[in-house]
Amino acid sequence: MGEQHAHGWRVSRHRLVADATVGVIANPMSGRDIRRLVASTSVFPNAEKASMVVRLTAAAGALGVGSTATARSVNTRPGA
């Protein structure tokens, strides 16, 4: 199979494999605060943020991660 490492990980042909869950906490309102708008820095639309999360979970799956968990916000307004 593969060489056993600490924390339950083992190396199996150039990739790490584990019975792990990757957690993703994404804030759709991040990147839209007044500092970014005033400084003329990049602002990512929500569709691009969702695409980033999809790519992250796909990469985790390609590396052998068994499952991913995402947190979603109940409130859509800051401070609500």
N, C-alpha and C. Protein backbone atom coordinates (compact mmCIF):
# COMPACT_ATOMS: atom_id res chain seq x y z
N MET A 1 0.83 -1.19 0.00
CA MET A 1 0.00 0.00 0.00
C MET A 1 0.86 1.24 0.00
N GLY A 2 1.19 1.71 1.17
CA GLY A 2 2.01 2.91 1.25
C GLY A 2 2.71 2.98 2.58
N GLU A 3 3.64 3.89 2.67
CA GLU A 3 4.41 4.07 3.89
C GLU A 3 3.58 4.86 4.90
N GLN A 4 3.47 4.37 6.14
CA GLN A 4 2.66 5.01 7.18
C GLN A 4 3.40 6.21 7.76
N HIS A 5 2.70 7.30 7.98
CA HIS A 5 3.25 8.51 8.58
C HIS A 5 2.41 8.90 9.79
N ALA A 6 2.86 9.94 10.47
CA ALA A 6 2.16 10.42 11.66
C ALA A 6 0.75 10.90 11.30
N HIS A 7 -0.12 10.93 12.26
CA HIS A 7 -1.49 11.44 12.15
C HIS A 7 -2.34 10.66 11.16
N GLY A 8 -2.01 9.40 10.89
CA GLY A 8 -2.84 8.58 10.02
C GLY A 8 -2.60 8.77 8.53
N TRP A 9 -1.70 9.65 8.14
CA TRP A 9 -1.42 9.87 6.72
C TRP A 9 -0.51 8.77 6.20
N ARG A 10 -0.67 8.43 4.95
CA ARG A 10 0.27 7.52 4.31
C ARG A 10 0.55 8.03 2.89
N VAL A 11 1.73 7.77 2.41
CA VAL A 11 2.10 8.20 1.07
C VAL A 11 1.79 7.06 0.12
N SER A 12 1.04 7.34 -0.91
CA SER A 12 0.68 6.33 -1.89
C SER A 12 0.91 6.90 -3.29
N ARG A 13 2.03 6.59 -3.87
CA ARG A 13 2.37 7.02 -5.23
C ARG A 13 2.24 8.52 -5.44
N HIS A 14 3.02 9.31 -4.88
CA HIS A 14 3.11 10.76 -5.11
C HIS A 14 1.96 11.59 -4.54
N ARG A 15 1.13 11.04 -3.73
CA ARG A 15 0.10 11.88 -3.11
C ARG A 15 -0.19 11.38 -1.70
N LEU A 16 -0.65 12.29 -0.87
CA LEU A 16 -1.00 11.95 0.50
C LEU A 16 -2.45 11.49 0.55
N VAL A 17 -2.69 10.46 1.31
CA VAL A 17 -4.04 9.92 1.43
C VAL A 17 -4.38 9.84 2.91
N ALA A 18 -5.57 10.24 3.28
CA ALA A 18 -5.98 10.17 4.68
C ALA A 18 -7.49 10.11 4.77
N ASP A 19 -7.96 9.63 5.90
CA ASP A 19 -9.38 9.69 6.20
C ASP A 19 -9.62 11.03 6.87
N ALA A 20 -9.65 12.08 6.07
CA ALA A 20 -9.74 13.43 6.61
C ALA A 20 -10.91 14.17 5.98
N THR A 21 -11.37 15.18 6.68
CA THR A 21 -12.38 16.10 6.17
C THR A 21 -11.76 17.48 6.11
N VAL A 22 -11.91 18.14 4.98
CA VAL A 22 -11.43 19.51 4.82
C VAL A 22 -12.62 20.44 5.03
N GLY A 23 -12.45 21.43 5.91
CA GLY A 23 -13.50 22.40 6.17
C GLY A 23 -13.23 23.69 5.43
N VAL A 24 -14.27 24.26 4.84
CA VAL A 24 -14.16 25.51 4.09
C VAL A 24 -15.13 26.52 4.69
N ILE A 25 -14.59 27.65 5.09
CA ILE A 25 -15.43 28.75 5.57
C ILE A 25 -15.21 29.90 4.61
N ALA A 26 -16.21 30.21 3.82
CA ALA A 26 -16.11 31.27 2.82
C ALA A 26 -17.11 32.36 3.16
N ASN A 27 -16.65 33.59 3.21
CA ASN A 27 -17.51 34.73 3.51
C ASN A 27 -17.82 35.46 2.21
N PRO A 28 -19.04 35.38 1.70
CA PRO A 28 -19.36 36.04 0.44
C PRO A 28 -19.26 37.56 0.50
N MET A 29 -19.29 38.14 1.68
CA MET A 29 -19.19 39.59 1.80
C MET A 29 -17.76 40.09 1.92
N SER A 30 -16.81 39.17 2.07
CA SER A 30 -15.42 39.61 2.18
C SER A 30 -14.97 40.21 0.85
N GLY A 31 -14.09 41.16 0.93
CA GLY A 31 -13.58 41.79 -0.27
C GLY A 31 -14.43 42.94 -0.77
N ARG A 32 -15.46 43.29 -0.04
CA ARG A 32 -16.32 44.40 -0.47
C ARG A 32 -16.36 45.51 0.58
N ASP A 33 -15.41 45.51 1.48
CA ASP A 33 -15.43 46.54 2.51
C ASP A 33 -14.91 47.86 1.94
N ILE A 34 -15.11 48.91 2.69
CA ILE A 34 -14.78 50.26 2.22
C ILE A 34 -13.29 50.43 1.94
N ARG A 35 -12.44 49.72 2.67
CA ARG A 35 -11.00 49.84 2.43
C ARG A 35 -10.64 49.38 1.02
N ARG A 36 -11.21 48.28 0.59
CA ARG A 36 -10.91 47.79 -0.76
C ARG A 36 -11.49 48.71 -1.83
N LEU A 37 -12.68 49.21 -1.59
CA LEU A 37 -13.31 50.07 -2.59
C LEU A 37 -12.56 51.39 -2.73
N VAL A 38 -12.12 51.97 -1.62
CA VAL A 38 -11.40 53.24 -1.66
C VAL A 38 -10.00 53.06 -2.24
N ALA A 39 -9.35 51.97 -1.93
CA ALA A 39 -7.98 51.74 -2.40
C ALA A 39 -7.92 51.22 -3.84
N SER A 40 -9.05 51.04 -4.46
CA SER A 40 -9.13 50.54 -5.84
C SER A 40 -8.45 49.19 -6.01
N THR A 41 -8.56 48.34 -5.01
CA THR A 41 -8.01 46.99 -5.13
C THR A 41 -9.06 46.09 -5.77
N SER A 42 -8.65 44.90 -6.10
CA SER A 42 -9.56 44.00 -6.79
C SER A 42 -10.72 43.58 -5.89
N VAL A 43 -11.88 43.46 -6.48
CA VAL A 43 -13.07 42.97 -5.80
C VAL A 43 -13.57 41.77 -6.60
N PHE A 44 -13.66 40.61 -5.95
CA PHE A 44 -14.11 39.40 -6.63
C PHE A 44 -15.62 39.30 -6.57
N PRO A 45 -16.27 39.04 -7.69
CA PRO A 45 -17.72 38.80 -7.64
C PRO A 45 -18.01 37.47 -6.95
N ASN A 46 -19.22 37.32 -6.44
CA ASN A 46 -19.58 36.09 -5.72
C ASN A 46 -19.45 34.85 -6.58
N ALA A 47 -19.70 34.96 -7.87
CA ALA A 47 -19.56 33.80 -8.76
C ALA A 47 -18.11 33.31 -8.79
N GLU A 48 -17.15 34.23 -8.78
CA GLU A 48 -15.74 33.83 -8.76
C GLU A 48 -15.37 33.20 -7.42
N LYS A 49 -15.93 33.72 -6.34
CA LYS A 49 -15.68 33.12 -5.02
C LYS A 49 -16.22 31.69 -4.97
N ALA A 50 -17.41 31.48 -5.53
CA ALA A 50 -17.98 30.13 -5.57
C ALA A 50 -17.11 29.21 -6.42
N SER A 51 -16.60 29.73 -7.51
CA SER A 51 -15.72 28.94 -8.38
C SER A 51 -14.44 28.54 -7.64
N MET A 52 -13.92 29.44 -6.81
CA MET A 52 -12.72 29.13 -6.02
C MET A 52 -12.99 27.98 -5.05
N VAL A 53 -14.16 27.99 -4.42
CA VAL A 53 -14.51 26.92 -3.48
C VAL A 53 -14.65 25.59 -4.22
N VAL A 54 -15.26 25.62 -5.40
CA VAL A 54 -15.39 24.39 -6.20
C VAL A 54 -14.02 23.85 -6.57
N ARG A 55 -13.11 24.73 -7.00
CA ARG A 55 -11.75 24.28 -7.35
C ARG A 55 -11.02 23.74 -6.14
N LEU A 56 -11.22 24.35 -4.99
CA LEU A 56 -10.58 23.88 -3.76
C LEU A 56 -11.06 22.48 -3.39
N THR A 57 -12.36 22.25 -3.46
CA THR A 57 -12.88 20.94 -3.10
C THR A 57 -12.48 19.88 -4.14
N ALA A 58 -12.40 20.27 -5.41
CA ALA A 58 -11.94 19.33 -6.44
C ALA A 58 -10.49 18.94 -6.21
N ALA A 59 -9.66 19.91 -5.85
CA ALA A 59 -8.25 19.62 -5.56
C ALA A 59 -8.11 18.72 -4.34
N ALA A 60 -8.92 18.96 -3.33
CA ALA A 60 -8.88 18.11 -2.14
C ALA A 60 -9.25 16.68 -2.50
N GLY A 61 -10.26 16.52 -3.33
CA GLY A 61 -10.65 15.18 -3.77
C GLY A 61 -9.56 14.51 -4.58
N ALA A 62 -8.88 15.27 -5.42
CA ALA A 62 -7.80 14.72 -6.23
C ALA A 62 -6.63 14.27 -5.37
N LEU A 63 -6.47 14.89 -4.21
CA LEU A 63 -5.39 14.51 -3.29
C LEU A 63 -5.78 13.38 -2.36
N GLY A 64 -7.01 12.91 -2.47
CA GLY A 64 -7.43 11.77 -1.68
C GLY A 64 -8.23 12.09 -0.44
N VAL A 65 -8.60 13.35 -0.25
CA VAL A 65 -9.42 13.72 0.91
C VAL A 65 -10.82 13.14 0.70
N GLY A 66 -11.32 12.47 1.72
CA GLY A 66 -12.59 11.76 1.60
C GLY A 66 -13.81 12.65 1.55
N SER A 67 -13.82 13.75 2.30
CA SER A 67 -15.01 14.61 2.33
C SER A 67 -14.62 16.04 2.65
N THR A 68 -15.51 16.95 2.26
CA THR A 68 -15.34 18.36 2.58
C THR A 68 -16.61 18.85 3.27
N ALA A 69 -16.46 19.83 4.11
CA ALA A 69 -17.59 20.45 4.80
C ALA A 69 -17.51 21.95 4.59
N THR A 70 -18.61 22.55 4.23
CA THR A 70 -18.64 23.99 4.04
C THR A 70 -19.58 24.61 5.06
N ALA A 71 -19.23 25.80 5.50
CA ALA A 71 -20.08 26.54 6.42
C ALA A 71 -20.82 27.59 5.61
N ARG A 72 -22.07 27.74 5.89
CA ARG A 72 -22.82 28.79 5.21
C ARG A 72 -23.35 29.76 6.24
N SER A 73 -23.46 31.00 5.84
CA SER A 73 -23.92 32.04 6.74
C SER A 73 -25.44 32.07 6.75
N VAL A 74 -25.99 32.20 7.94
CA VAL A 74 -27.44 32.35 8.07
C VAL A 74 -27.82 33.79 7.78
N ASN A 75 -26.96 34.72 8.21
CA ASN A 75 -27.20 36.15 8.00
C ASN A 75 -26.49 36.62 6.75
N THR A 76 -27.14 37.47 5.98
CA THR A 76 -26.50 38.00 4.77
C THR A 76 -26.01 39.42 4.97
N ARG A 77 -26.35 40.04 6.08
CA ARG A 77 -25.90 41.40 6.36
C ARG A 77 -24.91 41.39 7.51
N PRO A 78 -23.82 42.16 7.38
CA PRO A 78 -22.88 42.23 8.51
C PRO A 78 -23.57 42.79 9.74
N GLY A 79 -23.34 42.18 10.87
CA GLY A 79 -23.90 42.64 12.12
C GLY A 79 -25.35 42.24 12.35
N ALA A 80 -25.93 41.51 11.42
CA ALA A 80 -27.34 41.13 11.58
C ALA A 80 -27.46 39.91 12.47
